[in-house]
Amino acid sequence: MKNLDSKVSGIFNSIDFIAPWLIRLGLGVAFMLHGYNKFPLPPQGLIDYFGFSPFLATTVALSEVFAGLILIIGGLFNNYFGNLITRLGGLMVVVIMVFAFSIAHQEWFITVKLFTSEQIFLFLIGCYFLIKGNK
């Protein structure tokens, strides 16, 4: 059993650099798509449904796109800059999700709906990158 564990660990240790990229790309692409789906600008759906001003609605859409893009770009730099950019992207995700929970999904707060939706995972992964950066 120990020998099998050692072999499996050897295989996965050689590709463990992929794991954070899977999470980074998943979150980055998800945020870019969430923002892109609000185009053309200003997003009329946000204006009509939430009563946002055209400026605020545009800011939300662009922030989502840029948060995802920044997270992905941050991973390309293995230095202070990449770490800072990754944390900035994580912060943007966390802030966007806090506002999403407080404005768009108030009825979900600490309910089964929250923990069975993708939104909680977007928030938690954003927290991960905010805390860990590129480490």
C-alpha atoms as a PDB file:
ATOM      1  CA  MET A   1       0.000   0.000   0.000  1.00  0.00           C
ATOM      2  CA  LYS A   2       2.769   2.408   0.918  1.00  0.00           C
ATOM      3  CA  ASN A   3       4.546   1.644  -2.361  1.00  0.00           C
ATOM      4  CA  LEU A   4       1.354   2.407  -4.324  1.00  0.00           C
ATOM      5  CA  ASP A   5       0.914   5.675  -2.435  1.00  0.00           C
ATOM      6  CA  SER A   6       4.502   6.594  -3.221  1.00  0.00           C
ATOM      7  CA  LYS A   7       4.004   5.922  -6.946  1.00  0.00           C
ATOM      8  CA  VAL A   8       0.752   7.875  -7.083  1.00  0.00           C
ATOM      9  CA  SER A   9       2.354  10.760  -5.167  1.00  0.00           C
ATOM     10  CA  GLY A  10       5.272  10.730  -7.581  1.00  0.00           C
ATOM     11  CA  ILE A  11       2.973  11.018 -10.568  1.00  0.00           C
ATOM     12  CA  PHE A  12       0.892  13.847  -9.124  1.00  0.00           C
ATOM     13  CA  ASN A  13       3.833  15.719  -7.599  1.00  0.00           C
ATOM     14  CA  SER A  14       5.270  16.089 -11.079  1.00  0.00           C
ATOM     15  CA  ILE A  15       2.130  17.886 -12.287  1.00  0.00           C
ATOM     16  CA  ASP A  16       1.020  19.660  -9.080  1.00  0.00           C
ATOM     17  CA  PHE A  17       1.670  23.074 -10.696  1.00  0.00           C
ATOM     18  CA  ILE A  18      -1.502  22.469 -12.720  1.00  0.00           C
ATOM     19  CA  ALA A  19      -3.830  22.470  -9.687  1.00  0.00           C
ATOM     20  CA  PRO A  20      -3.787  26.220  -8.945  1.00  0.00           C
ATOM     21  CA  TRP A  21      -4.078  26.940 -12.666  1.00  0.00           C
ATOM     22  CA  LEU A  22      -7.250  24.860 -12.897  1.00  0.00           C
ATOM     23  CA  ILE A  23      -8.795  26.927 -10.112  1.00  0.00           C
ATOM     24  CA  ARG A  24      -7.398  30.216 -11.457  1.00  0.00           C
ATOM     25  CA  LEU A  25      -8.613  29.582 -15.005  1.00  0.00           C
ATOM     26  CA  GLY A  26     -11.994  28.339 -13.827  1.00  0.00           C
ATOM     27  CA  LEU A  27     -12.638  31.424 -11.713  1.00  0.00           C
ATOM     28  CA  GLY A  28     -11.102  33.805 -14.244  1.00  0.00           C
ATOM     29  CA  VAL A  29     -13.095  32.505 -17.178  1.00  0.00           C
ATOM     30  CA  ALA A  30     -16.300  32.327 -15.119  1.00  0.00           C
ATOM     31  CA  PHE A  31     -15.956  35.978 -14.128  1.00  0.00           C
ATOM     32  CA  MET A  32     -15.075  37.106 -17.627  1.00  0.00           C
ATOM     33  CA  LEU A  33     -18.142  35.291 -18.978  1.00  0.00           C
ATOM     34  CA  HIS A  34     -20.420  36.695 -16.270  1.00  0.00           C
ATOM     35  CA  GLY A  35     -19.263  40.184 -17.197  1.00  0.00           C
ATOM     36  CA  TYR A  36     -19.259  39.608 -20.950  1.00  0.00           C
ATOM     37  CA  ASN A  37     -22.848  38.334 -20.799  1.00  0.00           C
ATOM     38  CA  LYS A  38     -23.834  41.809 -19.618  1.00  0.00           C
ATOM     39  CA  PHE A  39     -22.628  43.391 -22.887  1.00  0.00           C
ATOM     40  CA  PRO A  40     -23.505  45.557 -24.818  1.00  0.00           C
ATOM     41  CA  LEU A  41     -22.811  48.362 -22.389  1.00  0.00           C
ATOM     42  CA  PRO A  42     -24.570  49.696 -20.460  1.00  0.00           C
ATOM     43  CA  PRO A  43     -26.290  46.440 -19.472  1.00  0.00           C
ATOM     44  CA  GLN A  44     -29.984  47.155 -19.723  1.00  0.00           C
ATOM     45  CA  GLY A  45     -30.841  44.127 -17.564  1.00  0.00           C
ATOM     46  CA  LEU A  46     -29.025  45.596 -14.545  1.00  0.00           C
ATOM     47  CA  ILE A  47     -30.579  48.988 -15.164  1.00  0.00           C
ATOM     48  CA  ASP A  48     -34.114  47.591 -15.418  1.00  0.00           C
ATOM     49  CA  TYR A  49     -33.971  44.905 -12.717  1.00  0.00           C
ATOM     50  CA  PHE A  50     -31.901  46.638 -10.037  1.00  0.00           C
ATOM     51  CA  GLY A  51     -32.450  50.258 -10.977  1.00  0.00           C
ATOM     52  CA  PHE A  52     -28.716  50.813 -11.478  1.00  0.00           C
ATOM     53  CA  SER A  53     -27.554  53.904 -13.274  1.00  0.00           C
ATOM     54  CA  PRO A  54     -25.970  53.249 -16.685  1.00  0.00           C
ATOM     55  CA  PHE A  55     -22.568  54.118 -15.161  1.00  0.00           C
ATOM     56  CA  LEU A  56     -22.951  51.645 -12.269  1.00  0.00           C
ATOM     57  CA  ALA A  57     -24.271  48.900 -14.548  1.00  0.00           C
ATOM     58  CA  THR A  58     -21.298  49.393 -16.888  1.00  0.00           C
ATOM     59  CA  THR A  59     -18.893  49.389 -13.927  1.00  0.00           C
ATOM     60  CA  VAL A  60     -20.287  46.050 -12.709  1.00  0.00           C
ATOM     61  CA  ALA A  61     -19.902  44.385 -16.110  1.00  0.00           C
ATOM     62  CA  LEU A  62     -16.394  45.722 -16.711  1.00  0.00           C
ATOM     63  CA  SER A  63     -15.316  44.874 -13.154  1.00  0.00           C
ATOM     64  CA  GLU A  64     -16.351  41.253 -13.647  1.00  0.00           C
ATOM     65  CA  VAL A  65     -14.453  40.982 -16.926  1.00  0.00           C
ATOM     66  CA  PHE A  66     -11.339  42.667 -15.523  1.00  0.00           C
ATOM     67  CA  ALA A  67     -11.375  40.661 -12.262  1.00  0.00           C
ATOM     68  CA  GLY A  68     -11.230  37.420 -14.236  1.00  0.00           C
ATOM     69  CA  LEU A  69      -8.602  38.753 -16.616  1.00  0.00           C
ATOM     70  CA  ILE A  70      -6.420  40.075 -13.789  1.00  0.00           C
ATOM     71  CA  LEU A  71      -6.549  36.727 -11.979  1.00  0.00           C
ATOM     72  CA  ILE A  72      -5.345  34.906 -15.069  1.00  0.00           C
ATOM     73  CA  ILE A  73      -2.660  37.464 -15.917  1.00  0.00           C
ATOM     74  CA  GLY A  74      -1.391  37.454 -12.321  1.00  0.00           C
ATOM     75  CA  GLY A  75      -0.540  33.780 -12.611  1.00  0.00           C
ATOM     76  CA  LEU A  76       1.759  34.440 -15.559  1.00  0.00           C
ATOM     77  CA  PHE A  77       4.198  36.418 -13.395  1.00  0.00           C
ATOM     78  CA  ASN A  78       6.118  34.478 -10.763  1.00  0.00           C
ATOM     79  CA  ASN A  79       7.228  37.554  -8.834  1.00  0.00           C
ATOM     80  CA  TYR A  80       5.992  40.369  -6.598  1.00  0.00           C
ATOM     81  CA  PHE A  81       3.947  41.888  -9.440  1.00  0.00           C
ATOM     82  CA  GLY A  82       2.129  38.616 -10.191  1.00  0.00           C
ATOM     83  CA  ASN A  83       1.410  38.084  -6.514  1.00  0.00           C
ATOM     84  CA  LEU A  84       0.023  41.606  -6.188  1.00  0.00           C
ATOM     85  CA  ILE A  85      -2.089  41.319  -9.336  1.00  0.00           C
ATOM     86  CA  THR A  86      -3.488  37.966  -8.215  1.00  0.00           C
ATOM     87  CA  ARG A  87      -4.456  39.414  -4.839  1.00  0.00           C
ATOM     88  CA  LEU A  88      -6.049  42.415  -6.556  1.00  0.00           C
ATOM     89  CA  GLY A  89      -8.103  40.067  -8.739  1.00  0.00           C
ATOM     90  CA  GLY A  90      -9.101  38.052  -5.660  1.00  0.00           C
ATOM     91  CA  LEU A  91     -10.139  41.246  -3.869  1.00  0.00           C
ATOM     92  CA  MET A  92     -12.220  42.320  -6.859  1.00  0.00           C
ATOM     93  CA  VAL A  93     -13.983  38.937  -6.904  1.00  0.00           C
ATOM     94  CA  VAL A  94     -14.687  39.093  -3.157  1.00  0.00           C
ATOM     95  CA  VAL A  95     -16.070  42.639  -3.352  1.00  0.00           C
ATOM     96  CA  ILE A  96     -18.222  41.832  -6.380  1.00  0.00           C
ATOM     97  CA  MET A  97     -19.594  38.718  -4.690  1.00  0.00           C
ATOM     98  CA  VAL A  98     -20.323  40.521  -1.401  1.00  0.00           C
ATOM     99  CA  PHE A  99     -22.367  43.055  -3.359  1.00  0.00           C
ATOM    100  CA  ALA A 100     -24.027  40.268  -5.361  1.00  0.00           C
ATOM    101  CA  PHE A 101     -25.066  38.567  -2.120  1.00  0.00           C
ATOM    102  CA  SER A 102     -26.275  41.789  -0.541  1.00  0.00           C
ATOM    103  CA  ILE A 103     -28.122  43.166  -3.590  1.00  0.00           C
ATOM    104  CA  ALA A 104     -29.030  40.382  -6.016  1.00  0.00           C
ATOM    105  CA  HIS A 105     -29.299  37.385  -3.685  1.00  0.00           C
ATOM    106  CA  GLN A 106     -30.406  38.744  -0.307  1.00  0.00           C
ATOM    107  CA  GLU A 107     -32.804  35.852   0.177  1.00  0.00           C
ATOM    108  CA  TRP A 108     -29.926  33.372  -0.124  1.00  0.00           C
ATOM    109  CA  PHE A 109     -27.978  34.586   2.898  1.00  0.00           C
ATOM    110  CA  ILE A 110     -27.017  31.570   5.027  1.00  0.00           C
ATOM    111  CA  THR A 111     -29.510  29.229   3.397  1.00  0.00           C
ATOM    112  CA  VAL A 112     -29.328  25.990   1.469  1.00  0.00           C
ATOM    113  CA  LYS A 113     -29.714  27.984  -1.753  1.00  0.00           C
ATOM    114  CA  LEU A 114     -26.457  29.837  -1.046  1.00  0.00           C
ATOM    115  CA  PHE A 115     -24.481  26.672  -0.438  1.00  0.00           C
ATOM    116  CA  THR A 116     -25.886  24.884  -3.474  1.00  0.00           C
ATOM    117  CA  SER A 117     -25.147  27.715  -5.900  1.00  0.00           C
ATOM    118  CA  GLU A 118     -21.992  28.528  -7.786  1.00  0.00           C
ATOM    119  CA  GLN A 119     -21.867  31.969  -6.181  1.00  0.00           C
ATOM    120  CA  ILE A 120     -20.547  30.713  -2.841  1.00  0.00           C
ATOM    121  CA  PHE A 121     -17.708  28.947  -4.636  1.00  0.00           C
ATOM    122  CA  LEU A 122     -16.847  32.039  -6.663  1.00  0.00           C
ATOM    123  CA  PHE A 123     -16.658  33.962  -3.391  1.00  0.00           C
ATOM    124  CA  LEU A 124     -14.570  31.316  -1.616  1.00  0.00           C
ATOM    125  CA  ILE A 125     -12.110  30.926  -4.486  1.00  0.00           C
ATOM    126  CA  GLY A 126     -11.814  34.721  -4.637  1.00  0.00           C
ATOM    127  CA  CYS A 127     -10.972  34.636  -0.906  1.00  0.00           C
ATOM    128  CA  TYR A 128      -8.343  31.973  -1.613  1.00  0.00           C
ATOM    129  CA  PHE A 129      -6.534  34.123  -4.170  1.00  0.00           C
ATOM    130  CA  LEU A 130      -6.882  37.239  -2.030  1.00  0.00           C
ATOM    131  CA  ILE A 131      -5.229  35.450   0.904  1.00  0.00           C
ATOM    132  CA  LYS A 132      -2.690  33.273  -0.932  1.00  0.00           C
ATOM    133  CA  GLY A 133      -1.796  35.367  -3.955  1.00  0.00           C
ATOM    134  CA  ASN A 134       0.516  33.257  -6.118  1.00  0.00           C
ATOM    135  CA  LYS A 135       1.866  31.209  -3.217  1.00  0.00           C
END
